[in-house]
Amino acid sequence: MNFNRFNSLEMETEDHYRERANVYRTSPEYGKMISLYPILKTSIKDCKGENLVA
């Protein structure tokens, strides 16, 4: 891990954020959150495939 980036205002690459999102979505915490809040699961499903970033 490059710790020098933490002191920089430079953003990570899009691929970096996509990987972080994939790791998060497969985490036990995410699964628990989805099971506790069914409306969240529906909302996420509704947004799937949307281009939310210009």
PDB file of N, CA and C in Angstrom:
ATOM      1  N   MET A   1       0.848  -1.183   0.000  1.00  0.00           N
ATOM      2  CA  MET A   1       0.000   0.000   0.000  1.00  0.00           C
ATOM      3  C   MET A   1       0.884   1.233   0.000  1.00  0.00           C
ATOM      4  N   ASN A   2       0.494   2.204  -0.768  1.00  0.00           N
ATOM      5  CA  ASN A   2       1.268   3.425  -0.884  1.00  0.00           C
ATOM      6  C   ASN A   2       0.735   4.451   0.117  1.00  0.00           C
ATOM      7  N   PHE A   3       1.405   4.594   1.275  1.00  0.00           N
ATOM      8  CA  PHE A   3       0.934   5.486   2.313  1.00  0.00           C
ATOM      9  C   PHE A   3       1.111   6.953   1.957  1.00  0.00           C
ATOM     10  N   ASN A   4       1.954   7.255   0.994  1.00  0.00           N
ATOM     11  CA  ASN A   4       2.140   8.649   0.594  1.00  0.00           C
ATOM     12  C   ASN A   4       0.880   9.225  -0.017  1.00  0.00           C
ATOM     13  N   ARG A   5       0.017   8.387  -0.567  1.00  0.00           N
ATOM     14  CA  ARG A   5      -1.216   8.866  -1.184  1.00  0.00           C
ATOM     15  C   ARG A   5      -2.179   9.444  -0.156  1.00  0.00           C
ATOM     16  N   PHE A   6      -2.078   9.009   1.114  1.00  0.00           N
ATOM     17  CA  PHE A   6      -2.987   9.498   2.138  1.00  0.00           C
ATOM     18  C   PHE A   6      -2.771  10.976   2.426  1.00  0.00           C
ATOM     19  N   ASN A   7      -1.599  11.478   2.153  1.00  0.00           N
ATOM     20  CA  ASN A   7      -1.308  12.880   2.377  1.00  0.00           C
ATOM     21  C   ASN A   7      -1.570  13.719   1.138  1.00  0.00           C
ATOM     22  N   SER A   8      -2.045  13.094   0.092  1.00  0.00           N
ATOM     23  CA  SER A   8      -2.267  13.765  -1.172  1.00  0.00           C
ATOM     24  C   SER A   8      -3.762  13.936  -1.417  1.00  0.00           C
ATOM     25  N   LEU A   9      -4.106  14.948  -2.186  1.00  0.00           N
ATOM     26  CA  LEU A   9      -5.506  15.153  -2.558  1.00  0.00           C
ATOM     27  C   LEU A   9      -5.855  14.407  -3.835  1.00  0.00           C
ATOM     28  N   GLU A  10      -4.894  13.682  -4.373  1.00  0.00           N
ATOM     29  CA  GLU A  10      -5.101  12.945  -5.608  1.00  0.00           C
ATOM     30  C   GLU A  10      -6.045  11.768  -5.369  1.00  0.00           C
ATOM     31  N   MET A  11      -6.998  11.602  -6.269  1.00  0.00           N
ATOM     32  CA  MET A  11      -7.955  10.503  -6.153  1.00  0.00           C
ATOM     33  C   MET A  11      -7.372   9.218  -6.725  1.00  0.00           C
ATOM     34  N   GLU A  12      -7.889   8.088  -6.250  1.00  0.00           N
ATOM     35  CA  GLU A  12      -7.522   6.789  -6.795  1.00  0.00           C
ATOM     36  C   GLU A  12      -8.179   6.627  -8.170  1.00  0.00           C
ATOM     37  N   THR A  13      -7.822   5.571  -8.853  1.00  0.00           N
ATOM     38  CA  THR A  13      -8.396   5.314 -10.169  1.00  0.00           C
ATOM     39  C   THR A  13      -9.807   4.750 -10.032  1.00  0.00           C
ATOM     40  N   GLU A  14     -10.566   4.822 -11.119  1.00  0.00           N
ATOM     41  CA  GLU A  14     -11.918   4.264 -11.131  1.00  0.00           C
ATOM     42  C   GLU A  14     -11.881   2.762 -10.852  1.00  0.00           C
ATOM     43  N   ASP A  15     -10.888   2.074 -11.401  1.00  0.00           N
ATOM     44  CA  ASP A  15     -10.755   0.637 -11.158  1.00  0.00           C
ATOM     45  C   ASP A  15     -10.554   0.343  -9.672  1.00  0.00           C
ATOM     46  N   HIS A  16      -9.791   1.189  -8.997  1.00  0.00           N
ATOM     47  CA  HIS A  16      -9.573   1.022  -7.560  1.00  0.00           C
ATOM     48  C   HIS A  16     -10.909   1.080  -6.816  1.00  0.00           C
ATOM     49  N   TYR A  17     -11.728   2.077  -7.129  1.00  0.00           N
ATOM     50  CA  TYR A  17     -13.009   2.220  -6.446  1.00  0.00           C
ATOM     51  C   TYR A  17     -13.976   1.097  -6.811  1.00  0.00           C
ATOM     52  N   ARG A  18     -13.925   0.611  -8.045  1.00  0.00           N
ATOM     53  CA  ARG A  18     -14.772  -0.521  -8.428  1.00  0.00           C
ATOM     54  C   ARG A  18     -14.374  -1.780  -7.644  1.00  0.00           C
ATOM     55  N   GLU A  19     -13.093  -1.990  -7.482  1.00  0.00           N
ATOM     56  CA  GLU A  19     -12.637  -3.149  -6.711  1.00  0.00           C
ATOM     57  C   GLU A  19     -13.050  -3.027  -5.253  1.00  0.00           C
ATOM     58  N   ARG A  20     -12.902  -1.844  -4.682  1.00  0.00           N
ATOM     59  CA  ARG A  20     -13.301  -1.636  -3.284  1.00  0.00           C
ATOM     60  C   ARG A  20     -14.797  -1.904  -3.120  1.00  0.00           C
ATOM     61  N   ALA A  21     -15.599  -1.475  -4.082  1.00  0.00           N
ATOM     62  CA  ALA A  21     -17.042  -1.710  -4.023  1.00  0.00           C
ATOM     63  C   ALA A  21     -17.345  -3.200  -4.089  1.00  0.00           C
ATOM     64  N   ASN A  22     -16.641  -3.929  -4.948  1.00  0.00           N
ATOM     65  CA  ASN A  22     -16.853  -5.377  -5.050  1.00  0.00           C
ATOM     66  C   ASN A  22     -16.470  -6.086  -3.757  1.00  0.00           C
ATOM     67  N   VAL A  23     -15.372  -5.672  -3.151  1.00  0.00           N
ATOM     68  CA  VAL A  23     -14.948  -6.270  -1.876  1.00  0.00           C
ATOM     69  C   VAL A  23     -16.009  -6.000  -0.817  1.00  0.00           C
ATOM     70  N   TYR A  24     -16.505  -4.780  -0.787  1.00  0.00           N
ATOM     71  CA  TYR A  24     -17.525  -4.415   0.204  1.00  0.00           C
ATOM     72  C   TYR A  24     -18.802  -5.232   0.008  1.00  0.00           C
ATOM     73  N   ARG A  25     -19.233  -5.379  -1.243  1.00  0.00           N
ATOM     74  CA  ARG A  25     -20.483  -6.093  -1.512  1.00  0.00           C
ATOM     75  C   ARG A  25     -20.411  -7.574  -1.173  1.00  0.00           C
ATOM     76  N   THR A  26     -19.236  -8.121  -1.036  1.00  0.00           N
ATOM     77  CA  THR A  26     -19.104  -9.530  -0.689  1.00  0.00           C
ATOM     78  C   THR A  26     -18.743  -9.720   0.789  1.00  0.00           C
ATOM     79  N   SER A  27     -18.753  -8.636   1.549  1.00  0.00           N
ATOM     80  CA  SER A  27     -18.383  -8.720   2.959  1.00  0.00           C
ATOM     81  C   SER A  27     -19.560  -9.197   3.811  1.00  0.00           C
ATOM     82  N   PRO A  28     -19.256  -9.837   4.924  1.00  0.00           N
ATOM     83  CA  PRO A  28     -20.325 -10.262   5.845  1.00  0.00           C
ATOM     84  C   PRO A  28     -21.131  -9.073   6.380  1.00  0.00           C
ATOM     85  N   GLU A  29     -20.467  -7.945   6.582  1.00  0.00           N
ATOM     86  CA  GLU A  29     -21.154  -6.757   7.095  1.00  0.00           C
ATOM     87  C   GLU A  29     -22.226  -6.284   6.116  1.00  0.00           C
ATOM     88  N   TYR A  30     -21.896  -6.309   4.833  1.00  0.00           N
ATOM     89  CA  TYR A  30     -22.852  -5.885   3.808  1.00  0.00           C
ATOM     90  C   TYR A  30     -24.048  -6.834   3.794  1.00  0.00           C
ATOM     91  N   GLY A  31     -23.784  -8.137   3.843  1.00  0.00           N
ATOM     92  CA  GLY A  31     -24.864  -9.118   3.873  1.00  0.00           C
ATOM     93  C   GLY A  31     -25.781  -8.920   5.063  1.00  0.00           C
ATOM     94  N   LYS A  32     -25.189  -8.640   6.218  1.00  0.00           N
ATOM     95  CA  LYS A  32     -25.989  -8.402   7.416  1.00  0.00           C
ATOM     96  C   LYS A  32     -26.836  -7.143   7.269  1.00  0.00           C
ATOM     97  N   MET A  33     -26.242  -6.092   6.741  1.00  0.00           N
ATOM     98  CA  MET A  33     -26.968  -4.839   6.565  1.00  0.00           C
ATOM     99  C   MET A  33     -28.154  -5.032   5.627  1.00  0.00           C
ATOM    100  N   ILE A  34     -27.933  -5.740   4.521  1.00  0.00           N
ATOM    101  CA  ILE A  34     -29.003  -5.983   3.558  1.00  0.00           C
ATOM    102  C   ILE A  34     -30.130  -6.794   4.198  1.00  0.00           C
ATOM    103  N   SER A  35     -29.763  -7.787   5.017  1.00  0.00           N
ATOM    104  CA  SER A  35     -30.801  -8.610   5.647  1.00  0.00           C
ATOM    105  C   SER A  35     -31.584  -7.827   6.701  1.00  0.00           C
ATOM    106  N   LEU A  36     -30.950  -6.848   7.336  1.00  0.00           N
ATOM    107  CA  LEU A  36     -31.637  -6.041   8.341  1.00  0.00           C
ATOM    108  C   LEU A  36     -32.546  -4.973   7.728  1.00  0.00           C
ATOM    109  N   TYR A  37     -32.226  -4.542   6.515  1.00  0.00           N
ATOM    110  CA  TYR A  37     -32.973  -3.455   5.889  1.00  0.00           C
ATOM    111  C   TYR A  37     -33.429  -3.871   4.486  1.00  0.00           C
ATOM    112  N   PRO A  38     -34.530  -4.620   4.388  1.00  0.00           N
ATOM    113  CA  PRO A  38     -34.998  -5.114   3.085  1.00  0.00           C
ATOM    114  C   PRO A  38     -35.245  -3.996   2.063  1.00  0.00           C
ATOM    115  N   ILE A  39     -35.679  -2.835   2.508  1.00  0.00           N
ATOM    116  CA  ILE A  39     -35.922  -1.736   1.564  1.00  0.00           C
ATOM    117  C   ILE A  39     -34.626  -1.290   0.916  1.00  0.00           C
ATOM    118  N   LEU A  40     -33.521  -1.406   1.640  1.00  0.00           N
ATOM    119  CA  LEU A  40     -32.215  -1.062   1.083  1.00  0.00           C
ATOM    120  C   LEU A  40     -31.878  -2.002  -0.066  1.00  0.00           C
ATOM    121  N   LYS A  41     -32.156  -3.280   0.126  1.00  0.00           N
ATOM    122  CA  LYS A  41     -31.902  -4.260  -0.929  1.00  0.00           C
ATOM    123  C   LYS A  41     -32.700  -3.916  -2.180  1.00  0.00           C
ATOM    124  N   THR A  42     -33.959  -3.545  -2.014  1.00  0.00           N
ATOM    125  CA  THR A  42     -34.808  -3.165  -3.146  1.00  0.00           C
ATOM    126  C   THR A  42     -34.276  -1.906  -3.825  1.00  0.00           C
ATOM    127  N   SER A  43     -33.865  -0.934  -3.033  1.00  0.00           N
ATOM    128  CA  SER A  43     -33.350   0.317  -3.599  1.00  0.00           C
ATOM    129  C   SER A  43     -32.072   0.087  -4.382  1.00  0.00           C
ATOM    130  N   ILE A  44     -31.196  -0.754  -3.859  1.00  0.00           N
ATOM    131  CA  ILE A  44     -29.949  -1.063  -4.559  1.00  0.00           C
ATOM    132  C   ILE A  44     -30.258  -1.779  -5.865  1.00  0.00           C
ATOM    133  N   LYS A  45     -31.203  -2.707  -5.826  1.00  0.00           N
ATOM    134  CA  LYS A  45     -31.587  -3.441  -7.030  1.00  0.00           C
ATOM    135  C   LYS A  45     -32.157  -2.479  -8.083  1.00  0.00           C
ATOM    136  N   ASP A  46     -32.962  -1.502  -7.655  1.00  0.00           N
ATOM    137  CA  ASP A  46     -33.542  -0.523  -8.575  1.00  0.00           C
ATOM    138  C   ASP A  46     -32.479   0.323  -9.268  1.00  0.00           C
ATOM    139  N   CYS A  47     -31.367   0.576  -8.586  1.00  0.00           N
ATOM    140  CA  CYS A  47     -30.298   1.423  -9.137  1.00  0.00           C
ATOM    141  C   CYS A  47     -29.287   0.639  -9.968  1.00  0.00           C
ATOM    142  N   LYS A  48     -29.346  -0.679  -9.919  1.00  0.00           N
ATOM    143  CA  LYS A  48     -28.362  -1.482 -10.624  1.00  0.00           C
ATOM    144  C   LYS A  48     -28.383  -1.168 -12.124  1.00  0.00           C
ATOM    145  N   GLY A  49     -27.212  -0.940 -12.668  1.00  0.00           N
ATOM    146  CA  GLY A  49     -27.092  -0.647 -14.084  1.00  0.00           C
ATOM    147  C   GLY A  49     -27.216   0.826 -14.422  1.00  0.00           C
ATOM    148  N   GLU A  50     -27.558   1.649 -13.446  1.00  0.00           N
ATOM    149  CA  GLU A  50     -27.662   3.083 -13.698  1.00  0.00           C
ATOM    150  C   GLU A  50     -26.273   3.698 -13.800  1.00  0.00           C
ATOM    151  N   ASN A  51     -26.140   4.670 -14.648  1.00  0.00           N
ATOM    152  CA  ASN A  51     -24.887   5.401 -14.774  1.00  0.00           C
ATOM    153  C   ASN A  51     -24.986   6.612 -13.861  1.00  0.00           C
ATOM    154  N   LEU A  52     -24.515   6.465 -12.609  1.00  0.00           N
ATOM    155  CA  LEU A  52     -24.686   7.506 -11.607  1.00  0.00           C
ATOM    156  C   LEU A  52     -23.569   8.534 -11.610  1.00  0.00           C
ATOM    157  N   VAL A  53     -22.521   8.284 -12.364  1.00  0.00           N
ATOM    158  CA  VAL A  53     -21.396   9.216 -12.419  1.00  0.00           C
ATOM    159  C   VAL A  53     -21.231   9.670 -13.863  1.00  0.00           C
ATOM    160  N   ALA A  54     -21.104  10.965 -14.032  1.00  0.00           N
ATOM    161  CA  ALA A  54     -20.954  11.521 -15.389  1.00  0.00           C
ATOM    162  C   ALA A  54     -19.579  11.233 -15.948  1.00  0.00           C
TER     163      ALA A  54
END
